Amino acid sequence: MTSWLAAIRWRWVGLGVGAYIIFLLATLPAALIAKRLQSQGIVADGIGGSVWNGHAAALQIRGMSVGEVHWRIHPTGLLLGRLNADIKIKRDDGFAETYFSMRRNGDIAFTDLRATLPIPVLNSFANRSGAGMNGMLGGWRGLLRLQLSELAIERSWPTQIVGNVDAQELVGPARQPTAIGSYRIEFASAKGGAELQGSIASQPDAPLDVVGVIRLQPNRQYVIDAQVGTRANAPASIGKALEYLGPADAQGRRPLSLAGSL
């Protein structure tokens, strides 16, 4: 009887200690980990809240300004070896919000990702983070708007994309900047090792009439196959440049194919 009562007593003690540890972790000030993050190239100012549910008035990653960040970590994900969190970013020139998940091996998944950011900012972040963009967006100006229900990245390469990517008010390239309007890429793909494919279409403000596809292949190659024509608001210089693509079809479009690696 005595041993049974002792076992119950120690069980309650264990539960009490566990509850106290959970309380400490849940209320641990986020500012306590700020110095440790600096060794990883992450600098945060104006930190408030706890490690699990907090915010930073200004966050920098490897010298790049991210903006004001709010986060809420889901502790249950840690039991599965994942860091799961709701993330919200505010900037003077845009925003981003998503449910974020990262595994121990560095693979990342975003759910319900919504963002609007200037293209130069995204290009700078991709280059500094080693995402393998190789300056693909360099020299272009405009806004990139993401509305993705799913985005998975493994080894710095997308393996799943579901949703829309809008490039708005594009101006470029750097040597001969020209305003070419807005375009949408719509992805509807399932994960499984195959290439990702998105449909490309120009928006009403674009001087170019574009339809086509972009393919992102598992070997880190991209292929763009499109038909390109001009609209009534297209400058004469654009129409002249398109003549080098070959003869136009019945809709006035000419074939355009691009390929490369990232």
C-alpha atoms as a PDB file:
ATOM      1  CA  MET A   1       0.000   0.000   0.000  1.00  0.00           C
ATOM      2  CA  THR A   2       2.796   2.350   0.928  1.00  0.00           C
ATOM      3  CA  SER A   3       4.670   1.704  -2.324  1.00  0.00           C
ATOM      4  CA  TRP A   4       1.476   2.281  -4.308  1.00  0.00           C
ATOM      5  CA  LEU A   5       0.913   5.643  -2.594  1.00  0.00           C
ATOM      6  CA  ALA A   6       4.547   6.567  -3.181  1.00  0.00           C
ATOM      7  CA  ALA A   7       4.228   5.750  -6.873  1.00  0.00           C
ATOM      8  CA  ILE A   8       1.160   7.979  -7.148  1.00  0.00           C
ATOM      9  CA  ARG A   9       2.946  10.747  -5.268  1.00  0.00           C
ATOM     10  CA  TRP A  10       5.984  10.652  -7.573  1.00  0.00           C
ATOM     11  CA  ARG A  11       3.704  10.547 -10.606  1.00  0.00           C
ATOM     12  CA  TRP A  12       2.062  13.780  -9.485  1.00  0.00           C
ATOM     13  CA  VAL A  13       5.473  15.281  -8.786  1.00  0.00           C
ATOM     14  CA  GLY A  14       6.568  14.362 -12.319  1.00  0.00           C
ATOM     15  CA  LEU A  15       3.469  15.927 -13.804  1.00  0.00           C
ATOM     16  CA  GLY A  16       4.048  19.053 -11.768  1.00  0.00           C
ATOM     17  CA  VAL A  17       7.680  19.346 -12.864  1.00  0.00           C
ATOM     18  CA  GLY A  18       6.691  18.752 -16.492  1.00  0.00           C
ATOM     19  CA  ALA A  19       3.967  21.392 -16.292  1.00  0.00           C
ATOM     20  CA  TYR A  20       6.446  23.854 -14.757  1.00  0.00           C
ATOM     21  CA  ILE A  21       8.997  23.234 -17.531  1.00  0.00           C
ATOM     22  CA  ILE A  22       6.327  23.734 -20.183  1.00  0.00           C
ATOM     23  CA  PHE A  23       5.286  26.972 -18.452  1.00  0.00           C
ATOM     24  CA  LEU A  24       8.884  28.213 -18.415  1.00  0.00           C
ATOM     25  CA  LEU A  25       9.362  27.413 -22.093  1.00  0.00           C
ATOM     26  CA  ALA A  26       6.045  28.991 -23.059  1.00  0.00           C
ATOM     27  CA  THR A  27       6.903  32.209 -21.244  1.00  0.00           C
ATOM     28  CA  LEU A  28      10.635  32.297 -22.044  1.00  0.00           C
ATOM     29  CA  PRO A  29      11.343  35.819 -23.355  1.00  0.00           C
ATOM     30  CA  ALA A  30      12.255  35.855 -27.038  1.00  0.00           C
ATOM     31  CA  ALA A  31      15.011  38.394 -26.320  1.00  0.00           C
ATOM     32  CA  LEU A  32      17.033  35.670 -24.554  1.00  0.00           C
ATOM     33  CA  ILE A  33      17.774  33.880 -27.824  1.00  0.00           C
ATOM     34  CA  ALA A  34      18.580  37.014 -29.848  1.00  0.00           C
ATOM     35  CA  LYS A  35      22.327  36.831 -29.166  1.00  0.00           C
ATOM     36  CA  ARG A  36      22.495  33.173 -30.148  1.00  0.00           C
ATOM     37  CA  LEU A  37      20.828  33.952 -33.471  1.00  0.00           C
ATOM     38  CA  GLN A  38      23.491  36.528 -34.323  1.00  0.00           C
ATOM     39  CA  SER A  39      26.026  33.750 -34.913  1.00  0.00           C
ATOM     40  CA  GLN A  40      23.699  32.497 -37.675  1.00  0.00           C
ATOM     41  CA  GLY A  41      23.609  35.913 -39.347  1.00  0.00           C
ATOM     42  CA  ILE A  42      20.204  36.800 -37.858  1.00  0.00           C
ATOM     43  CA  VAL A  43      19.876  40.169 -36.129  1.00  0.00           C
ATOM     44  CA  ALA A  44      16.617  41.182 -34.448  1.00  0.00           C
ATOM     45  CA  ASP A  45      15.704  44.497 -32.811  1.00  0.00           C
ATOM     46  CA  GLY A  46      12.668  45.460 -30.776  1.00  0.00           C
ATOM     47  CA  ILE A  47      11.977  41.896 -29.670  1.00  0.00           C
ATOM     48  CA  GLY A  48       8.886  41.212 -27.585  1.00  0.00           C
ATOM     49  CA  GLY A  49       6.745  38.307 -26.454  1.00  0.00           C
ATOM     50  CA  SER A  50       7.984  34.783 -25.869  1.00  0.00           C
ATOM     51  CA  VAL A  51      10.045  32.306 -27.858  1.00  0.00           C
ATOM     52  CA  TRP A  52       6.810  30.579 -28.847  1.00  0.00           C
ATOM     53  CA  ASN A  53       4.666  33.623 -29.577  1.00  0.00           C
ATOM     54  CA  GLY A  54       6.594  36.806 -30.213  1.00  0.00           C
ATOM     55  CA  HIS A  55       7.598  39.550 -32.570  1.00  0.00           C
ATOM     56  CA  ALA A  56      10.576  41.607 -33.731  1.00  0.00           C
ATOM     57  CA  ALA A  57      10.205  45.210 -34.878  1.00  0.00           C
ATOM     58  CA  ALA A  58      13.091  44.737 -37.332  1.00  0.00           C
ATOM     59  CA  LEU A  59      14.717  41.520 -38.512  1.00  0.00           C
ATOM     60  CA  GLN A  60      17.815  41.137 -40.679  1.00  0.00           C
ATOM     61  CA  ILE A  61      19.075  37.896 -42.210  1.00  0.00           C
ATOM     62  CA  ARG A  62      22.631  37.931 -43.535  1.00  0.00           C
ATOM     63  CA  GLY A  63      22.564  41.694 -43.823  1.00  0.00           C
ATOM     64  CA  MET A  64      19.236  41.869 -45.619  1.00  0.00           C
ATOM     65  CA  SER A  65      16.318  43.679 -44.022  1.00  0.00           C
ATOM     66  CA  VAL A  66      13.295  41.372 -43.724  1.00  0.00           C
ATOM     67  CA  GLY A  67      10.998  43.762 -41.875  1.00  0.00           C
ATOM     68  CA  GLU A  68       8.695  43.491 -38.883  1.00  0.00           C
ATOM     69  CA  VAL A  69       8.092  39.834 -38.034  1.00  0.00           C
ATOM     70  CA  HIS A  70       5.449  38.103 -35.913  1.00  0.00           C
ATOM     71  CA  TRP A  71       5.634  34.358 -35.179  1.00  0.00           C
ATOM     72  CA  ARG A  72       3.737  31.677 -33.332  1.00  0.00           C
ATOM     73  CA  ILE A  73       5.487  28.324 -32.986  1.00  0.00           C
ATOM     74  CA  HIS A  74       3.453  25.110 -32.675  1.00  0.00           C
ATOM     75  CA  PRO A  75       5.270  22.992 -30.035  1.00  0.00           C
ATOM     76  CA  THR A  76       3.658  19.721 -31.155  1.00  0.00           C
ATOM     77  CA  GLY A  77       5.688  19.826 -34.377  1.00  0.00           C
ATOM     78  CA  LEU A  78       8.901  19.476 -32.376  1.00  0.00           C
ATOM     79  CA  LEU A  79       7.816  15.978 -31.346  1.00  0.00           C
ATOM     80  CA  LEU A  80       8.012  15.016 -35.033  1.00  0.00           C
ATOM     81  CA  GLY A  81      11.358  16.711 -35.566  1.00  0.00           C
ATOM     82  CA  ARG A  82       9.851  19.731 -37.323  1.00  0.00           C
ATOM     83  CA  LEU A  83       9.693  23.440 -36.668  1.00  0.00           C
ATOM     84  CA  ASN A  84       6.127  24.551 -37.431  1.00  0.00           C
ATOM     85  CA  ALA A  85       5.080  28.172 -37.110  1.00  0.00           C
ATOM     86  CA  ASP A  86       2.696  30.849 -38.304  1.00  0.00           C
ATOM     87  CA  ILE A  87       4.760  33.690 -39.749  1.00  0.00           C
ATOM     88  CA  LYS A  88       3.705  37.243 -40.636  1.00  0.00           C
ATOM     89  CA  ILE A  89       6.052  39.817 -42.145  1.00  0.00           C
ATOM     90  CA  LYS A  90       5.269  43.504 -42.606  1.00  0.00           C
ATOM     91  CA  ARG A  91       7.309  45.913 -44.705  1.00  0.00           C
ATOM     92  CA  ASP A  92       6.817  49.413 -46.057  1.00  0.00           C
ATOM     93  CA  ASP A  93       6.881  47.946 -49.577  1.00  0.00           C
ATOM     94  CA  GLY A  94       5.011  44.681 -49.036  1.00  0.00           C
ATOM     95  CA  PHE A  95       4.072  41.793 -46.772  1.00  0.00           C
ATOM     96  CA  ALA A  96       4.162  38.014 -46.422  1.00  0.00           C
ATOM     97  CA  GLU A  97       2.270  35.513 -44.285  1.00  0.00           C
ATOM     98  CA  THR A  98       2.240  31.735 -44.199  1.00  0.00           C
ATOM     99  CA  TYR A  99       2.231  28.547 -42.155  1.00  0.00           C
ATOM    100  CA  PHE A 100       5.868  27.453 -42.203  1.00  0.00           C
ATOM    101  CA  SER A 101       7.346  24.005 -41.609  1.00  0.00           C
ATOM    102  CA  MET A 102      11.029  23.020 -41.626  1.00  0.00           C
ATOM    103  CA  ARG A 103      12.495  19.562 -41.126  1.00  0.00           C
ATOM    104  CA  ARG A 104      15.840  18.691 -39.580  1.00  0.00           C
ATOM    105  CA  ASN A 105      17.424  18.202 -43.004  1.00  0.00           C
ATOM    106  CA  GLY A 106      16.518  21.773 -44.018  1.00  0.00           C
ATOM    107  CA  ASP A 107      13.570  20.948 -46.293  1.00  0.00           C
ATOM    108  CA  ILE A 108      10.922  23.662 -46.113  1.00  0.00           C
ATOM    109  CA  ALA A 109       7.180  23.698 -46.752  1.00  0.00           C
ATOM    110  CA  PHE A 110       4.821  26.673 -46.890  1.00  0.00           C
ATOM    111  CA  THR A 111       1.049  26.406 -46.594  1.00  0.00           C
ATOM    112  CA  ASP A 112      -1.360  29.213 -47.511  1.00  0.00           C
ATOM    113  CA  LEU A 113       1.491  31.503 -48.552  1.00  0.00           C
ATOM    114  CA  ARG A 114       0.411  35.028 -49.447  1.00  0.00           C
ATOM    115  CA  ALA A 115       2.945  37.702 -50.252  1.00  0.00           C
ATOM    116  CA  THR A 116       3.483  40.881 -52.244  1.00  0.00           C
ATOM    117  CA  LEU A 117       7.083  42.066 -52.507  1.00  0.00           C
ATOM    118  CA  PRO A 118       9.263  44.029 -54.953  1.00  0.00           C
ATOM    119  CA  ILE A 119      11.225  41.828 -57.331  1.00  0.00           C
ATOM    120  CA  PRO A 120      14.639  43.351 -56.374  1.00  0.00           C
ATOM    121  CA  VAL A 121      14.001  42.410 -52.728  1.00  0.00           C
ATOM    122  CA  LEU A 122      13.186  38.802 -53.608  1.00  0.00           C
ATOM    123  CA  ASN A 123      16.178  38.561 -55.931  1.00  0.00           C
ATOM    124  CA  SER A 124      18.496  39.853 -53.217  1.00  0.00           C
ATOM    125  CA  PHE A 125      17.090  37.427 -50.649  1.00  0.00           C
ATOM    126  CA  ALA A 126      17.389  34.451 -53.034  1.00  0.00           C
ATOM    127  CA  ASN A 127      21.011  35.262 -53.830  1.00  0.00           C
ATOM    128  CA  ARG A 128      22.010  35.747 -50.186  1.00  0.00           C
ATOM    129  CA  SER A 129      20.225  32.632 -49.005  1.00  0.00           C
ATOM    130  CA  GLY A 130      21.908  30.466 -51.643  1.00  0.00           C
ATOM    131  CA  ALA A 131      18.633  29.525 -53.286  1.00  0.00           C
ATOM    132  CA  GLY A 132      20.349  29.042 -56.622  1.00  0.00           C
ATOM    133  CA  MET A 133      18.611  31.791 -58.589  1.00  0.00           C
ATOM    134  CA  ASN A 134      21.900  32.931 -60.162  1.00  0.00           C
ATOM    135  CA  GLY A 135      20.589  36.468 -60.599  1.00  0.00           C
ATOM    136  CA  MET A 136      17.647  35.311 -62.695  1.00  0.00           C
ATOM    137  CA  LEU A 137      15.560  38.293 -61.562  1.00  0.00           C
ATOM    138  CA  GLY A 138      18.448  40.749 -61.615  1.00  0.00           C
ATOM    139  CA  GLY A 139      17.851  43.986 -63.488  1.00  0.00           C
ATOM    140  CA  TRP A 140      14.049  43.678 -63.373  1.00  0.00           C
ATOM    141  CA  ARG A 141      11.673  45.904 -61.452  1.00  0.00           C
ATOM    142  CA  GLY A 142       8.080  45.287 -60.482  1.00  0.00           C
ATOM    143  CA  LEU A 143       6.066  43.379 -57.905  1.00  0.00           C
ATOM    144  CA  LEU A 144       5.813  39.661 -57.332  1.00  0.00           C
ATOM    145  CA  ARG A 145       2.522  38.542 -55.793  1.00  0.00           C
ATOM    146  CA  LEU A 146       2.265  34.983 -54.463  1.00  0.00           C
ATOM    147  CA  GLN A 147      -0.968  33.190 -53.658  1.00  0.00           C
ATOM    148  CA  LEU A 148       0.095  29.604 -53.062  1.00  0.00           C
ATOM    149  CA  SER A 149      -1.804  26.965 -51.147  1.00  0.00           C
ATOM    150  CA  GLU A 150       1.321  24.783 -51.128  1.00  0.00           C
ATOM    151  CA  LEU A 151       5.019  25.334 -51.746  1.00  0.00           C
ATOM    152  CA  ALA A 152       7.655  22.716 -50.898  1.00  0.00           C
ATOM    153  CA  ILE A 153      11.397  23.301 -51.276  1.00  0.00           C
ATOM    154  CA  GLU A 154      13.952  20.512 -50.989  1.00  0.00           C
ATOM    155  CA  ARG A 155      17.680  21.139 -51.395  1.00  0.00           C
ATOM    156  CA  SER A 156      16.918  24.734 -52.459  1.00  0.00           C
ATOM    157  CA  TRP A 157      14.666  23.573 -55.304  1.00  0.00           C
ATOM    158  CA  PRO A 158      10.845  23.605 -55.503  1.00  0.00           C
ATOM    159  CA  THR A 159       9.299  20.135 -55.516  1.00  0.00           C
ATOM    160  CA  GLN A 160       5.668  21.204 -55.199  1.00  0.00           C
ATOM    161  CA  ILE A 161       3.829  24.400 -56.148  1.00  0.00           C
ATOM    162  CA  VAL A 162       0.080  24.893 -56.116  1.00  0.00           C
ATOM    163  CA  GLY A 163      -1.327  28.356 -56.758  1.00  0.00           C
ATOM    164  CA  ASN A 164      -0.623  31.564 -58.640  1.00  0.00           C
ATOM    165  CA  VAL A 165       2.487  33.691 -59.118  1.00  0.00           C
ATOM    166  CA  ASP A 166       1.793  37.169 -60.505  1.00  0.00           C
ATOM    167  CA  ALA A 167       4.586  39.361 -61.853  1.00  0.00           C
ATOM    168  CA  GLN A 168       3.110  42.849 -62.003  1.00  0.00           C
ATOM    169  CA  GLU A 169       4.232  46.104 -63.639  1.00  0.00           C
ATOM    170  CA  LEU A 170       7.413  44.532 -65.001  1.00  0.00           C
ATOM    171  CA  VAL A 171      10.198  46.786 -66.257  1.00  0.00           C
ATOM    172  CA  GLY A 172      13.439  45.379 -67.661  1.00  0.00           C
ATOM    173  CA  PRO A 173      15.974  44.151 -68.460  1.00  0.00           C
ATOM    174  CA  ALA A 174      18.617  46.452 -66.974  1.00  0.00           C
ATOM    175  CA  ARG A 175      20.379  47.300 -70.266  1.00  0.00           C
ATOM    176  CA  GLN A 176      17.218  48.230 -72.149  1.00  0.00           C
ATOM    177  CA  PRO A 177      14.435  48.713 -69.578  1.00  0.00           C
ATOM    178  CA  THR A 178      10.966  48.530 -71.084  1.00  0.00           C
ATOM    179  CA  ALA A 179       7.588  48.441 -69.364  1.00  0.00           C
ATOM    180  CA  ILE A 180       5.984  45.134 -70.348  1.00  0.00           C
ATOM    181  CA  GLY A 181       3.021  44.933 -67.932  1.00  0.00           C
ATOM    182  CA  SER A 182       1.834  42.016 -65.835  1.00  0.00           C
ATOM    183  CA  TYR A 183       1.807  38.224 -66.210  1.00  0.00           C
ATOM    184  CA  ARG A 184       0.492  35.238 -64.285  1.00  0.00           C
ATOM    185  CA  ILE A 185       1.899  31.748 -63.811  1.00  0.00           C
ATOM    186  CA  GLU A 186      -0.615  29.231 -62.488  1.00  0.00           C
ATOM    187  CA  PHE A 187       0.725  26.024 -60.965  1.00  0.00           C
ATOM    188  CA  ALA A 188      -1.365  22.949 -60.253  1.00  0.00           C
ATOM    189  CA  SER A 189       0.989  20.097 -59.482  1.00  0.00           C
ATOM    190  CA  ALA A 190       1.376  17.102 -57.223  1.00  0.00           C
ATOM    191  CA  LYS A 191       4.577  16.020 -55.528  1.00  0.00           C
ATOM    192  CA  GLY A 192       6.183  12.890 -56.861  1.00  0.00           C
ATOM    193  CA  GLY A 193       9.575  13.629 -58.391  1.00  0.00           C
ATOM    194  CA  ALA A 194       8.195  14.769 -61.748  1.00  0.00           C
ATOM    195  CA  GLU A 195       8.680  18.203 -63.219  1.00  0.00           C
ATOM    196  CA  LEU A 196       6.511  21.099 -62.089  1.00  0.00           C
ATOM    197  CA  GLN A 197       4.524  22.843 -64.798  1.00  0.00           C
ATOM    198  CA  GLY A 198       2.851  26.220 -64.754  1.00  0.00           C
ATOM    199  CA  SER A 199       0.737  27.944 -67.386  1.00  0.00           C
ATOM    200  CA  ILE A 200       1.794  31.460 -68.388  1.00  0.00           C
ATOM    201  CA  ALA A 201      -0.661  34.136 -69.502  1.00  0.00           C
ATOM    202  CA  SER A 202      -0.331  37.892 -69.964  1.00  0.00           C
ATOM    203  CA  GLN A 203      -2.688  40.178 -68.060  1.00  0.00           C
ATOM    204  CA  PRO A 204      -4.845  42.985 -69.579  1.00  0.00           C
ATOM    205  CA  ASP A 205      -2.253  45.740 -68.981  1.00  0.00           C
ATOM    206  CA  ALA A 206       0.532  43.895 -70.830  1.00  0.00           C
ATOM    207  CA  PRO A 207       1.593  45.113 -74.316  1.00  0.00           C
ATOM    208  CA  LEU A 208       2.514  41.499 -75.112  1.00  0.00           C
ATOM    209  CA  ASP A 209       0.015  38.741 -75.838  1.00  0.00           C
ATOM    210  CA  VAL A 210       1.599  35.690 -74.204  1.00  0.00           C
ATOM    211  CA  VAL A 211       0.439  32.118 -73.682  1.00  0.00           C
ATOM    212  CA  GLY A 212       2.726  29.268 -72.748  1.00  0.00           C
ATOM    213  CA  VAL A 213       4.155  26.987 -70.070  1.00  0.00           C
ATOM    214  CA  ILE A 214       7.125  26.957 -67.740  1.00  0.00           C
ATOM    215  CA  ARG A 215       8.619  23.644 -66.610  1.00  0.00           C
ATOM    216  CA  LEU A 216      10.806  23.203 -63.543  1.00  0.00           C
ATOM    217  CA  GLN A 217      12.603  19.899 -63.818  1.00  0.00           C
ATOM    218  CA  PRO A 218      14.086  17.746 -61.017  1.00  0.00           C
ATOM    219  CA  ASN A 219      17.610  18.223 -62.449  1.00  0.00           C
ATOM    220  CA  ARG A 220      17.331  21.967 -61.669  1.00  0.00           C
ATOM    221  CA  GLN A 221      16.631  22.880 -65.279  1.00  0.00           C
ATOM    222  CA  TYR A 222      13.885  25.243 -66.400  1.00  0.00           C
ATOM    223  CA  VAL A 223      12.190  25.374 -69.802  1.00  0.00           C
ATOM    224  CA  ILE A 224       9.845  28.087 -71.090  1.00  0.00           C
ATOM    225  CA  ASP A 225       7.785  27.420 -74.218  1.00  0.00           C
ATOM    226  CA  ALA A 226       5.493  30.260 -75.212  1.00  0.00           C
ATOM    227  CA  GLN A 227       3.747  31.998 -78.072  1.00  0.00           C
ATOM    228  CA  VAL A 228       4.258  35.759 -78.043  1.00  0.00           C
ATOM    229  CA  GLY A 229       2.443  38.494 -79.942  1.00  0.00           C
ATOM    230  CA  THR A 230       1.744  42.185 -79.540  1.00  0.00           C
ATOM    231  CA  ARG A 231      -1.324  44.137 -78.527  1.00  0.00           C
ATOM    232  CA  ALA A 232      -2.532  47.552 -79.616  1.00  0.00           C
ATOM    233  CA  ASN A 233      -0.645  49.288 -76.791  1.00  0.00           C
ATOM    234  CA  ALA A 234       2.709  47.686 -77.673  1.00  0.00           C
ATOM    235  CA  PRO A 235       5.546  50.073 -78.631  1.00  0.00           C
ATOM    236  CA  ALA A 236       6.822  49.688 -82.168  1.00  0.00           C
ATOM    237  CA  SER A 237      10.227  48.677 -80.808  1.00  0.00           C
ATOM    238  CA  ILE A 238       8.721  45.562 -79.177  1.00  0.00           C
ATOM    239  CA  GLY A 239       6.951  44.518 -82.366  1.00  0.00           C
ATOM    240  CA  LYS A 240      10.187  44.952 -84.298  1.00  0.00           C
ATOM    241  CA  ALA A 241      12.115  42.843 -81.796  1.00  0.00           C
ATOM    242  CA  LEU A 242       9.591  39.996 -82.012  1.00  0.00           C
ATOM    243  CA  GLU A 243      10.188  39.658 -85.757  1.00  0.00           C
ATOM    244  CA  TYR A 244      13.459  37.918 -84.946  1.00  0.00           C
ATOM    245  CA  LEU A 245      11.510  35.043 -83.375  1.00  0.00           C
ATOM    246  CA  GLY A 246      10.235  33.864 -86.726  1.00  0.00           C
ATOM    247  CA  PRO A 247       6.957  34.026 -88.668  1.00  0.00           C
ATOM    248  CA  ALA A 248       3.723  34.702 -86.804  1.00  0.00           C
ATOM    249  CA  ASP A 249       0.859  32.219 -86.618  1.00  0.00           C
ATOM    250  CA  ALA A 250      -2.805  32.932 -87.389  1.00  0.00           C
ATOM    251  CA  GLN A 251      -3.199  34.729 -84.027  1.00  0.00           C
ATOM    252  CA  GLY A 252      -0.172  36.915 -84.677  1.00  0.00           C
ATOM    253  CA  ARG A 253       2.000  35.103 -82.132  1.00  0.00           C
ATOM    254  CA  ARG A 254       5.560  33.887 -82.597  1.00  0.00           C
ATOM    255  CA  PRO A 255       7.309  30.971 -80.827  1.00  0.00           C
ATOM    256  CA  LEU A 256       9.628  31.749 -77.915  1.00  0.00           C
ATOM    257  CA  SER A 257      11.659  29.059 -76.165  1.00  0.00           C
ATOM    258  CA  LEU A 258      14.063  29.567 -73.285  1.00  0.00           C
ATOM    259  CA  ALA A 259      15.993  27.019 -71.231  1.00  0.00           C
ATOM    260  CA  GLY A 260      18.661  27.046 -68.594  1.00  0.00           C
ATOM    261  CA  SER A 261      19.707  25.883 -65.160  1.00  0.00           C
ATOM    262  CA  LEU A 262      19.388  27.408 -61.708  1.00  0.00           C
END
